[in-house]
C-alpha cells in the first residue's frame, strides 16, 4: 500500500468482499492475538500492530469509510481526502442538508479514539489481559435528552450523596470510570427520536399538498424545531440529512447527523372540489 501502510483487509485477514460479520469476527481474533498484554517481551511491536488492527476495523466496519477506502486506498484519509485520519471522526461542515430517496439508512459504524477502549467496548468488559483493581459498580437511569446534552445528578454511594457530571453524548450501556467507582448509564428511549451511535433518525409527516407543491415545514431536533424547506415533487420516504444536528461525540469534537424521513400523508376524506381536481390531474397523467 502507499505510504508504507499495510492493507486494511490484509491486517484483518479477510477478502475485499468480506461481509460485516466476517470483518467483525476477524477483528475479534486479531485483537485477542495482538493485545500488548499478551506479548510482555515485545510490547512495543504488539501495541503498534494492535493499533493498526483497530484502525483497519474502524474503517472497514463503516460503510462510507470502507467505500472510500476501496476507491482510493489510504489516500482517502490523507489531508484533503475527505475523511481526515482513518481512525478519527471527520469534522462536519456548517449546517447543510442533502436529499436522498429510498435506499438504506446511512447509519455510520463504530468510531472509537482509543484502541484499548474499542477492545473493552467490543468485548463487553475490561481487557482480560490487563490487571485491574476491582472497583464497585453502580448504574443510573437518565432521560434521552439528558444523554444528548449532559446532566448533573445527585447519586448516593455508601450512604453519602455525591454530585456527578454525566457528559453530553453518552449512550445506553456507556460506562464512566470515576476515582473510586464505575457508573453504568441506562438511557430511556425517546418517543420521537431514534438513535444509532451519534446519528438520530426521525419520521416526519407532511401533507400531500406540501410534497407536491413544495414549501416549509418545522421538524423536531434535539435542539428544538427547525424550519426545513421541502422541494416540490418530494416522494414519501425521502430522507433528508441535517448535518451536525445529531448527538455530540462523546470523545472528540463535532456531532453526528440527523436524518429526517419524510412521510407523505394521504387524506382519508376529500371534498367535492378536491376530488374534481384530483380526477383532472389523473386525466392529465394519462
Protein backbone atom coordinates (compact mmCIF):
# COMPACT_ATOMS: atom_id res chain seq x y z
CA UNK A 1 0.00 0.00 0.00
CA UNK A 2 1.01 3.64 -0.49
CA UNK A 3 2.96 5.46 2.24
CA UNK A 4 4.19 2.12 3.57
CA UNK A 5 0.90 1.35 5.33
CA UNK A 6 -0.40 -2.19 5.40
CA UNK A 7 -3.60 -3.05 3.55
CA UNK A 8 -6.56 -2.97 5.95
CA UNK A 9 -8.02 -6.20 4.56
CA UNK A 10 -4.66 -7.95 4.99
CA UNK A 11 -4.38 -6.69 8.56
CA UNK A 12 -7.66 -8.34 9.48
CA UNK A 13 -7.04 -11.36 7.24
CA UNK A 14 -10.22 -11.01 5.19
CA UNK A 15 -11.01 -10.68 1.49
CA UNK A 16 -12.25 -7.44 -0.08
CA UNK A 17 -15.76 -8.88 -0.43
CA UNK A 18 -15.95 -9.95 3.22
CA UNK A 19 -19.27 -9.42 4.96
CA UNK A 20 -19.72 -7.24 8.04
CA UNK A 21 -19.98 -10.36 10.19
CA UNK A 22 -16.73 -11.75 8.77
CA UNK A 23 -14.94 -8.46 9.42
CA UNK A 24 -16.25 -8.37 12.99
CA UNK A 25 -15.17 -11.96 13.61
CA UNK A 26 -11.73 -11.30 12.14
CA UNK A 27 -11.27 -8.26 14.38
CA UNK A 28 -12.12 -10.32 17.45
CA UNK A 29 -9.47 -12.88 16.54
CA UNK A 30 -6.75 -10.36 15.67
CA UNK A 31 -7.43 -8.12 18.69
CA UNK A 32 -7.16 -11.06 21.06
CA UNK A 33 -3.99 -12.32 19.37
CA UNK A 34 -2.17 -8.96 19.30
CA UNK A 35 -3.22 -7.38 22.57
CA UNK A 36 0.05 -5.98 24.04
CA UNK A 37 -0.53 -7.61 27.42
CA UNK A 38 -0.18 -10.99 25.72
CA UNK A 39 3.28 -10.01 24.44
CA UNK A 40 5.22 -8.83 27.51
CA UNK A 41 8.57 -9.40 25.77
CA UNK A 42 7.65 -7.44 22.65
CA UNK A 43 5.04 -4.93 23.80
CA UNK A 44 6.10 -2.09 21.52
CA UNK A 45 5.65 -4.11 18.32
CA UNK A 46 2.40 -5.68 19.61
CA UNK A 47 0.98 -2.27 20.52
CA UNK A 48 1.79 -0.95 17.04
CA UNK A 49 0.08 -3.93 15.42
CA UNK A 50 -2.88 -3.68 17.80
CA UNK A 51 -3.42 -0.03 16.86
CA UNK A 52 -3.20 -0.88 13.15
CA UNK A 53 -5.82 -3.60 13.60
CA UNK A 54 -8.07 -1.12 15.42
CA UNK A 55 -7.65 1.46 12.64
CA UNK A 56 -8.47 -1.15 10.00
CA UNK A 57 -11.61 -2.19 11.84
CA UNK A 58 -12.82 1.39 12.27
CA UNK A 59 -12.65 1.88 8.51
CA UNK A 60 -13.93 -1.49 7.27
CA UNK A 61 -16.83 -1.59 9.76
CA UNK A 62 -18.10 1.78 8.48
CA UNK A 63 -19.97 1.61 5.16
CA UNK A 64 -18.95 5.06 3.93
CA UNK A 65 -15.33 4.85 5.04
CA UNK A 66 -14.99 1.37 3.56
CA UNK A 67 -16.35 2.54 0.21
CA UNK A 68 -13.90 5.45 0.19
CA UNK A 69 -11.02 3.13 1.09
CA UNK A 70 -11.98 0.70 -1.69
CA UNK A 71 -11.89 3.56 -4.19
CA UNK A 72 -8.82 5.46 -3.04
CA UNK A 73 -6.95 3.35 -0.53
CA UNK A 74 -5.17 5.20 2.29
CA UNK A 75 -5.27 8.39 0.21
CA UNK A 76 -8.96 8.73 1.20
CA UNK A 77 -7.84 9.59 4.74
CA UNK A 78 -4.92 11.83 3.86
CA UNK A 79 -5.35 15.61 4.23
CA UNK A 80 -7.84 16.70 1.59
CA UNK A 81 -9.06 13.15 1.05
CA UNK A 82 -12.46 13.82 2.59
CA UNK A 83 -12.32 11.75 5.79
CA UNK A 84 -9.32 13.05 7.73
CA UNK A 85 -7.48 10.37 9.65
CA UNK A 86 -8.91 6.88 9.26
CA UNK A 87 -9.39 6.48 12.99
CA UNK A 88 -10.85 9.89 13.69
CA UNK A 89 -14.25 11.49 13.40
CA UNK A 90 -14.35 13.90 10.47
CA UNK A 91 -15.38 17.48 11.11
CA UNK A 92 -18.79 18.37 9.73
CA UNK A 93 -19.32 21.39 7.55
CA UNK A 94 -21.63 24.19 8.68
CA UNK A 95 -25.30 23.19 8.81
CA UNK A 96 -26.42 21.82 5.47
CA UNK A 97 -28.86 19.20 4.34
CA UNK A 98 -28.95 16.86 1.39
CA UNK A 99 -31.70 14.74 -0.12
CA UNK A 100 -31.66 11.02 -0.83
CA UNK A 101 -34.66 9.00 -1.94
CA UNK A 102 -35.26 5.44 -0.81
CA UNK A 103 -32.37 3.09 -0.09
CA UNK A 104 -30.93 2.08 3.25
CA UNK A 105 -30.47 4.30 6.25
CA UNK A 106 -26.90 5.61 6.15
CA UNK A 107 -26.10 4.78 9.72
CA UNK A 108 -22.42 5.21 10.45
CA UNK A 109 -20.26 2.49 12.01
CA UNK A 110 -18.48 2.47 15.34
CA UNK A 111 -15.85 5.11 15.89
CA UNK A 112 -13.52 4.90 18.87
CA UNK A 113 -10.49 7.01 19.66
CA UNK A 114 -8.52 4.65 21.89
CA UNK A 115 -7.70 1.14 20.58
CA UNK A 116 -7.76 -0.23 24.11
CA UNK A 117 -11.20 1.32 24.60
CA UNK A 118 -12.56 -0.29 21.44
CA UNK A 119 -11.31 -3.62 22.77
CA UNK A 120 -13.12 -3.17 26.05
CA UNK A 121 -16.37 -1.95 24.45
CA UNK A 122 -16.27 -4.56 21.70
CA UNK A 123 -15.82 -7.49 24.07
CA UNK A 124 -18.32 -6.20 26.62
CA UNK A 125 -15.95 -5.64 29.51
CA UNK A 126 -12.42 -4.89 30.58
CA UNK A 127 -9.43 -6.41 28.84
CA UNK A 128 -8.92 -9.98 30.11
CA UNK A 129 -5.17 -9.41 29.92
CA UNK A 130 -4.91 -6.15 31.87
CA UNK A 131 -4.85 -6.45 35.61
CA UNK A 132 -7.38 -4.07 37.07
CA UNK A 133 -8.28 -3.21 40.60
CA UNK A 134 -11.78 -4.33 41.42
CA UNK A 135 -13.98 -1.28 41.77
CA UNK A 136 -17.62 -1.07 42.88
CA UNK A 137 -20.10 -0.66 40.04
CA UNK A 138 -23.35 1.27 40.05
CA UNK A 139 -25.99 2.15 37.48
CA UNK A 140 -28.22 5.14 36.89
CA UNK A 141 -31.22 5.85 34.64
CA UNK A 142 -31.30 9.09 32.65
CA UNK A 143 -33.62 10.54 30.03
CA UNK A 144 -32.79 10.64 26.33
CA UNK A 145 -32.29 14.42 26.31
CA UNK A 146 -30.08 14.25 29.39
CA UNK A 147 -27.85 11.85 27.49
CA UNK A 148 -27.76 14.18 24.50
CA UNK A 149 -26.91 17.38 26.36
CA UNK A 150 -25.24 16.06 29.50
CA UNK A 151 -26.53 16.41 33.04
CA UNK A 152 -25.50 16.65 36.69
CA UNK A 153 -27.07 14.12 39.05
CA UNK A 154 -27.16 13.54 42.78
CA UNK A 155 -26.05 9.99 43.46
CA UNK A 156 -25.92 8.16 46.80
CA UNK A 157 -22.85 5.97 47.33
CA UNK A 158 -22.11 4.27 50.63
CA UNK A 159 -24.64 6.38 52.43
CA UNK A 160 -23.15 9.62 51.08
CA UNK A 161 -24.73 11.83 48.44
CA UNK A 162 -22.43 12.89 45.64
CA UNK A 163 -22.89 15.16 42.65
CA UNK A 164 -21.70 13.56 39.41
CA UNK A 165 -21.43 15.08 35.96
CA UNK A 166 -22.55 12.92 33.04
CA UNK A 167 -21.04 14.21 29.77
CA UNK A 168 -23.06 15.01 26.65
CA UNK A 169 -23.22 12.15 24.17
CA UNK A 170 -23.34 9.14 26.50
CA UNK A 171 -25.27 6.20 25.11
CA UNK A 172 -27.24 3.41 26.68
CA UNK A 173 -24.75 1.00 28.24
CA UNK A 174 -21.93 3.57 28.50
CA UNK A 175 -19.67 3.19 31.50
CA UNK A 176 -17.96 6.10 33.22
CA UNK A 177 -14.95 5.46 35.44
CA UNK A 178 -14.70 7.79 38.44
CA UNK A 179 -11.93 7.81 41.01
CA UNK A 180 -13.43 5.14 43.22
CA UNK A 181 -16.29 3.52 41.28
CA UNK A 182 -17.65 2.73 37.82
CA UNK A 183 -21.05 4.01 36.73
CA UNK A 184 -23.18 2.33 34.05
CA UNK A 185 -25.64 4.55 32.18
CA UNK A 186 -29.13 3.39 31.23
CA UNK A 187 -30.74 5.77 28.73
CA UNK A 188 -34.53 5.75 28.40
CA UNK A 189 -35.86 5.63 24.82
CA UNK A 190 -37.46 8.70 23.25
CA UNK A 191 -40.94 8.74 21.73
CA UNK A 192 -39.82 10.77 18.68
CA UNK A 193 -36.08 10.30 18.14
CA UNK A 194 -34.29 7.07 17.37
CA UNK A 195 -30.55 6.95 18.00
CA UNK A 196 -27.77 4.96 16.36
CA UNK A 197 -24.32 5.95 17.56
CA UNK A 198 -24.06 9.72 17.15
CA UNK A 199 -26.81 9.87 14.50
CA UNK A 200 -30.51 10.49 15.05
CA UNK A 201 -33.46 9.34 12.93
CA UNK A 202 -36.96 10.77 12.99
CA UNK A 203 -40.06 10.25 10.84
CA UNK A 204 -41.88 13.45 9.89
CA UNK A 205 -45.30 13.56 8.25
CA UNK A 206 -46.09 16.22 5.66
CA UNK A 207 -49.36 16.83 3.78
CA UNK A 208 -49.71 15.76 0.17
CA UNK A 209 -50.07 19.37 -0.97
CA UNK A 210 -46.71 20.31 0.57
CA UNK A 211 -45.00 17.33 -1.03
CA UNK A 212 -46.45 18.21 -4.42
CA UNK A 213 -46.01 21.98 -4.38
CA UNK A 214 -43.07 22.42 -2.01
CA UNK A 215 -42.75 24.80 0.92
CA UNK A 216 -41.59 24.86 4.53
CA UNK A 217 -42.25 22.61 7.49
CA UNK A 218 -40.99 22.54 11.07
CA UNK A 219 -39.15 19.36 12.04
CA UNK A 220 -38.12 18.41 15.59
CA UNK A 221 -34.43 18.22 16.51
CA UNK A 222 -32.71 17.71 19.85
CA UNK A 223 -32.10 21.47 19.87
CA UNK A 224 -35.72 22.43 19.12
CA UNK A 225 -37.83 22.76 15.98
CA UNK A 226 -36.08 23.61 12.73
CA UNK A 227 -37.63 25.06 9.57
CA UNK A 228 -36.96 22.70 6.65
CA UNK A 229 -37.54 23.54 3.02
CA UNK A 230 -39.44 20.83 1.14
CA UNK A 231 -38.79 20.55 -2.56
CA UNK A 232 -41.81 20.27 -4.82
CA UNK A 233 -42.41 16.75 -6.03
CA UNK A 234 -40.94 15.18 -2.88
CA UNK A 235 -41.78 11.49 -2.61
CA UNK A 236 -42.85 9.70 0.53
CA UNK A 237 -39.85 8.01 2.11
CA UNK A 238 -37.36 10.67 1.01
CA UNK A 239 -34.54 11.08 3.52
CA UNK A 240 -33.15 14.50 4.47
CA UNK A 241 -29.77 14.71 6.18
CA UNK A 242 -29.30 17.52 8.69
CA UNK A 243 -25.54 17.85 9.05
CA UNK A 244 -24.18 18.13 12.61
CA UNK A 245 -27.67 18.07 14.14
CA UNK A 246 -27.19 14.74 15.90
CA UNK A 247 -25.53 13.65 19.15
CA UNK A 248 -22.28 15.24 20.39
CA UNK A 249 -19.36 12.86 20.02
CA UNK A 250 -18.50 11.57 23.47
CA UNK A 251 -14.77 11.53 22.75
CA UNK A 252 -13.79 14.23 20.31
CA UNK A 253 -15.26 17.26 18.63
CA UNK A 254 -18.33 17.71 16.50
CA UNK A 255 -21.67 15.97 16.37
CA UNK A 256 -23.43 13.31 14.40
CA UNK A 257 -26.18 13.97 11.86
CA UNK A 258 -29.96 13.84 11.97
CA UNK A 259 -31.87 12.02 9.25
CA UNK A 260 -35.48 13.01 8.62
CA UNK A 261 -37.69 10.50 6.82
CA UNK A 262 -40.49 12.39 5.09
CA UNK A 263 -43.82 10.56 5.12
CA UNK A 264 -46.43 11.98 2.77
CA UNK A 265 -49.89 11.84 4.33
CA UNK A 266 -52.80 10.94 2.06
CA UNK A 267 -56.12 12.45 3.25
CA UNK A 268 -58.85 10.00 4.22
CA UNK A 269 -61.67 12.31 3.13
CA UNK A 270 -61.83 14.66 0.17
CA UNK A 271 -64.23 17.45 -0.60
CA UNK A 272 -66.02 17.51 -3.95
CA UNK A 273 -63.68 20.19 -5.22
CA UNK A 274 -60.62 18.19 -4.13
CA UNK A 275 -61.97 15.08 -5.87
CA UNK A 276 -62.61 17.09 -9.01
CA UNK A 277 -59.09 18.46 -9.06
CA UNK A 278 -57.53 15.05 -8.45
CA UNK A 279 -59.60 13.49 -11.22
CA UNK A 280 -58.50 16.28 -13.52
CA UNK A 281 -54.89 15.63 -12.56
CA UNK A 282 -55.41 11.90 -13.11
CA UNK A 283 -56.66 12.52 -16.65
CA UNK A 284 -53.66 14.71 -17.42
CA UNK A 285 -51.33 12.00 -16.19
CA UNK A 286 -52.94 9.58 -18.61
